[in-house]
Amino acid sequence: MCVRVFLAVIVVFACSSVANAQVPAFDDLLRGDANNDFQVSIADSSYVTNWLFRSGSPPPCVKAADVNDDGRVDLADSSYLNHYLFMGGPMPPPPFPMCGGDPTADNLTCYNSAC
């Protein structure tokens, strides 16, 4: 019993130490790649919708999930991507279809990018 309590204390301490560590932000991203698999597909649209409405995991690079580049991630991003993929809608803004820096300043983060 004492060993379990001791291990739990170590895990809690380790998690709080990692949470407070500074994580470098990525400069390069692929707009639309919400699930960070280096592809832009319906899976990315589903990932965003699951995060927004079903308490799914947040995108590793929230900035990449901002498909329409309006500075926020919402249902419009999922719709924009589906319109592009299946209805011949406009391509997502740069950086797309290749990795690159986001030319638009916003408050969205990117801590893990497939790029």
C-alpha atoms as a PDB file:
ATOM      1  CA  MET A   1       0.000   0.000   0.000  1.00  0.00           C
ATOM      2  CA  CYS A   2       2.793   2.416   0.875  1.00  0.00           C
ATOM      3  CA  VAL A   3       4.505   1.744  -2.443  1.00  0.00           C
ATOM      4  CA  ARG A   4       1.368   2.658  -4.420  1.00  0.00           C
ATOM      5  CA  VAL A   5       0.931   5.948  -2.602  1.00  0.00           C
ATOM      6  CA  PHE A   6       4.591   6.778  -3.122  1.00  0.00           C
ATOM      7  CA  LEU A   7       4.353   6.058  -6.864  1.00  0.00           C
ATOM      8  CA  ALA A   8       1.215   8.183  -7.156  1.00  0.00           C
ATOM      9  CA  VAL A   9       3.044  11.120  -5.563  1.00  0.00           C
ATOM     10  CA  ILE A  10       5.924  10.719  -8.019  1.00  0.00           C
ATOM     11  CA  VAL A  11       3.546  10.616 -11.004  1.00  0.00           C
ATOM     12  CA  VAL A  12       1.674  13.725  -9.841  1.00  0.00           C
ATOM     13  CA  PHE A  13       4.947  15.570  -9.304  1.00  0.00           C
ATOM     14  CA  ALA A  14       6.294  14.512 -12.702  1.00  0.00           C
ATOM     15  CA  CYS A  15       3.107  15.577 -14.487  1.00  0.00           C
ATOM     16  CA  SER A  16       3.045  18.969 -12.815  1.00  0.00           C
ATOM     17  CA  SER A  17       6.701  19.519 -13.692  1.00  0.00           C
ATOM     18  CA  VAL A  18       6.055  18.704 -17.353  1.00  0.00           C
ATOM     19  CA  ALA A  19       2.963  20.920 -17.450  1.00  0.00           C
ATOM     20  CA  ASN A  20       4.986  23.908 -16.233  1.00  0.00           C
ATOM     21  CA  ALA A  21       7.861  23.370 -18.677  1.00  0.00           C
ATOM     22  CA  GLN A  22       8.197  25.744 -21.608  1.00  0.00           C
ATOM     23  CA  VAL A  23       7.398  23.932 -24.868  1.00  0.00           C
ATOM     24  CA  PRO A  24       8.799  25.522 -28.013  1.00  0.00           C
ATOM     25  CA  ALA A  25       6.249  26.502 -30.628  1.00  0.00           C
ATOM     26  CA  PHE A  26       6.599  25.271 -34.195  1.00  0.00           C
ATOM     27  CA  ASP A  27       6.978  27.848 -36.936  1.00  0.00           C
ATOM     28  CA  ASP A  28       5.988  25.519 -39.800  1.00  0.00           C
ATOM     29  CA  LEU A  29       2.603  23.897 -40.231  1.00  0.00           C
ATOM     30  CA  LEU A  30       0.286  22.497 -42.877  1.00  0.00           C
ATOM     31  CA  ARG A  31      -3.042  24.312 -42.745  1.00  0.00           C
ATOM     32  CA  GLY A  32      -5.903  21.841 -42.458  1.00  0.00           C
ATOM     33  CA  ASP A  33      -3.805  19.032 -40.939  1.00  0.00           C
ATOM     34  CA  ALA A  34      -5.655  19.037 -37.619  1.00  0.00           C
ATOM     35  CA  ASN A  35      -4.763  15.466 -36.647  1.00  0.00           C
ATOM     36  CA  ASN A  36      -1.065  15.957 -37.456  1.00  0.00           C
ATOM     37  CA  ASP A  37      -0.681  13.042 -39.899  1.00  0.00           C
ATOM     38  CA  PHE A  38       0.861  15.158 -42.712  1.00  0.00           C
ATOM     39  CA  GLN A  39      -2.249  14.711 -44.868  1.00  0.00           C
ATOM     40  CA  VAL A  40      -5.303  16.899 -45.309  1.00  0.00           C
ATOM     41  CA  SER A  41      -8.426  14.748 -45.487  1.00  0.00           C
ATOM     42  CA  ILE A  42     -11.901  14.221 -44.047  1.00  0.00           C
ATOM     43  CA  ALA A  43     -10.168  12.773 -40.977  1.00  0.00           C
ATOM     44  CA  ASP A  44      -9.000  16.304 -40.144  1.00  0.00           C
ATOM     45  CA  SER A  45     -12.523  17.685 -40.430  1.00  0.00           C
ATOM     46  CA  SER A  46     -13.794  14.894 -38.171  1.00  0.00           C
ATOM     47  CA  TYR A  47     -10.980  15.548 -35.687  1.00  0.00           C
ATOM     48  CA  VAL A  48     -11.953  19.213 -35.343  1.00  0.00           C
ATOM     49  CA  THR A  49     -15.654  18.389 -35.004  1.00  0.00           C
ATOM     50  CA  ASN A  50     -14.934  15.727 -32.379  1.00  0.00           C
ATOM     51  CA  TRP A  51     -12.788  18.203 -30.407  1.00  0.00           C
ATOM     52  CA  LEU A  52     -15.400  20.934 -30.545  1.00  0.00           C
ATOM     53  CA  PHE A  53     -18.531  18.928 -29.815  1.00  0.00           C
ATOM     54  CA  ARG A  54     -17.543  15.621 -28.224  1.00  0.00           C
ATOM     55  CA  SER A  55     -14.701  16.600 -25.875  1.00  0.00           C
ATOM     56  CA  GLY A  56     -12.076  14.980 -28.086  1.00  0.00           C
ATOM     57  CA  SER A  57      -8.379  15.724 -27.834  1.00  0.00           C
ATOM     58  CA  PRO A  58      -7.301  19.198 -28.931  1.00  0.00           C
ATOM     59  CA  PRO A  59      -5.347  19.376 -32.162  1.00  0.00           C
ATOM     60  CA  PRO A  60      -1.561  19.108 -31.691  1.00  0.00           C
ATOM     61  CA  CYS A  61      -1.305  22.275 -33.773  1.00  0.00           C
ATOM     62  CA  VAL A  62      -4.408  24.408 -33.205  1.00  0.00           C
ATOM     63  CA  LYS A  63      -3.117  26.926 -35.751  1.00  0.00           C
ATOM     64  CA  ALA A  64      -3.261  24.199 -38.453  1.00  0.00           C
ATOM     65  CA  ALA A  65      -6.882  23.429 -37.508  1.00  0.00           C
ATOM     66  CA  ASP A  66      -7.827  27.040 -38.350  1.00  0.00           C
ATOM     67  CA  VAL A  67      -8.579  26.041 -41.944  1.00  0.00           C
ATOM     68  CA  ASN A  68     -10.188  29.329 -42.998  1.00  0.00           C
ATOM     69  CA  ASP A  69      -7.496  31.407 -41.226  1.00  0.00           C
ATOM     70  CA  ASP A  70      -9.886  33.618 -39.284  1.00  0.00           C
ATOM     71  CA  GLY A  71      -7.962  33.339 -36.007  1.00  0.00           C
ATOM     72  CA  ARG A  72     -10.259  30.850 -34.278  1.00  0.00           C
ATOM     73  CA  VAL A  73     -11.207  27.183 -34.600  1.00  0.00           C
ATOM     74  CA  ASP A  74     -14.911  26.493 -34.939  1.00  0.00           C
ATOM     75  CA  LEU A  75     -17.406  24.584 -37.083  1.00  0.00           C
ATOM     76  CA  ALA A  76     -16.680  26.936 -40.002  1.00  0.00           C
ATOM     77  CA  ASP A  77     -13.196  25.392 -40.282  1.00  0.00           C
ATOM     78  CA  SER A  78     -14.584  21.880 -40.618  1.00  0.00           C
ATOM     79  CA  SER A  79     -17.143  23.115 -43.158  1.00  0.00           C
ATOM     80  CA  TYR A  80     -14.488  24.995 -45.135  1.00  0.00           C
ATOM     81  CA  LEU A  81     -12.323  21.886 -45.370  1.00  0.00           C
ATOM     82  CA  ASN A  82     -15.232  19.668 -46.417  1.00  0.00           C
ATOM     83  CA  HIS A  83     -16.257  22.212 -49.044  1.00  0.00           C
ATOM     84  CA  TYR A  84     -12.717  22.203 -50.455  1.00  0.00           C
ATOM     85  CA  LEU A  85     -12.359  18.406 -50.372  1.00  0.00           C
ATOM     86  CA  PHE A  86     -15.757  17.418 -51.765  1.00  0.00           C
ATOM     87  CA  MET A  87     -17.388  20.403 -53.474  1.00  0.00           C
ATOM     88  CA  GLY A  88     -14.533  22.097 -55.330  1.00  0.00           C
ATOM     89  CA  GLY A  89     -14.383  24.983 -52.867  1.00  0.00           C
ATOM     90  CA  PRO A  90     -11.383  27.269 -52.461  1.00  0.00           C
ATOM     91  CA  MET A  91      -8.111  25.893 -51.167  1.00  0.00           C
ATOM     92  CA  PRO A  92      -7.205  26.690 -47.571  1.00  0.00           C
ATOM     93  CA  PRO A  93      -5.015  29.803 -47.247  1.00  0.00           C
ATOM     94  CA  PRO A  94      -1.226  29.438 -46.922  1.00  0.00           C
ATOM     95  CA  PRO A  95       0.559  27.507 -45.645  1.00  0.00           C
ATOM     96  CA  PHE A  96      -1.179  25.042 -47.929  1.00  0.00           C
ATOM     97  CA  PRO A  97      -0.644  22.688 -49.795  1.00  0.00           C
ATOM     98  CA  MET A  98       2.944  22.647 -48.493  1.00  0.00           C
ATOM     99  CA  CYS A  99       4.342  23.249 -45.023  1.00  0.00           C
ATOM    100  CA  GLY A 100       5.322  26.777 -44.154  1.00  0.00           C
ATOM    101  CA  GLY A 101       4.903  29.640 -41.737  1.00  0.00           C
ATOM    102  CA  ASP A 102       1.509  31.177 -41.059  1.00  0.00           C
ATOM    103  CA  PRO A 103       1.505  34.661 -42.613  1.00  0.00           C
ATOM    104  CA  THR A 104      -1.445  35.728 -40.427  1.00  0.00           C
ATOM    105  CA  ALA A 105      -0.814  36.809 -36.841  1.00  0.00           C
ATOM    106  CA  ASP A 106      -3.238  35.353 -34.280  1.00  0.00           C
ATOM    107  CA  ASN A 107      -3.259  33.885 -30.775  1.00  0.00           C
ATOM    108  CA  LEU A 108      -3.460  30.231 -31.842  1.00  0.00           C
ATOM    109  CA  THR A 109      -0.670  27.867 -30.828  1.00  0.00           C
ATOM    110  CA  CYS A 110       1.259  25.094 -32.523  1.00  0.00           C
ATOM    111  CA  TYR A 111       3.273  22.855 -30.216  1.00  0.00           C
ATOM    112  CA  ASN A 112       3.466  19.796 -32.436  1.00  0.00           C
ATOM    113  CA  SER A 113       3.507  19.856 -36.212  1.00  0.00           C
ATOM    114  CA  ALA A 114       4.004  17.096 -38.775  1.00  0.00           C
ATOM    115  CA  CYS A 115       6.141  19.565 -40.703  1.00  0.00           C
END
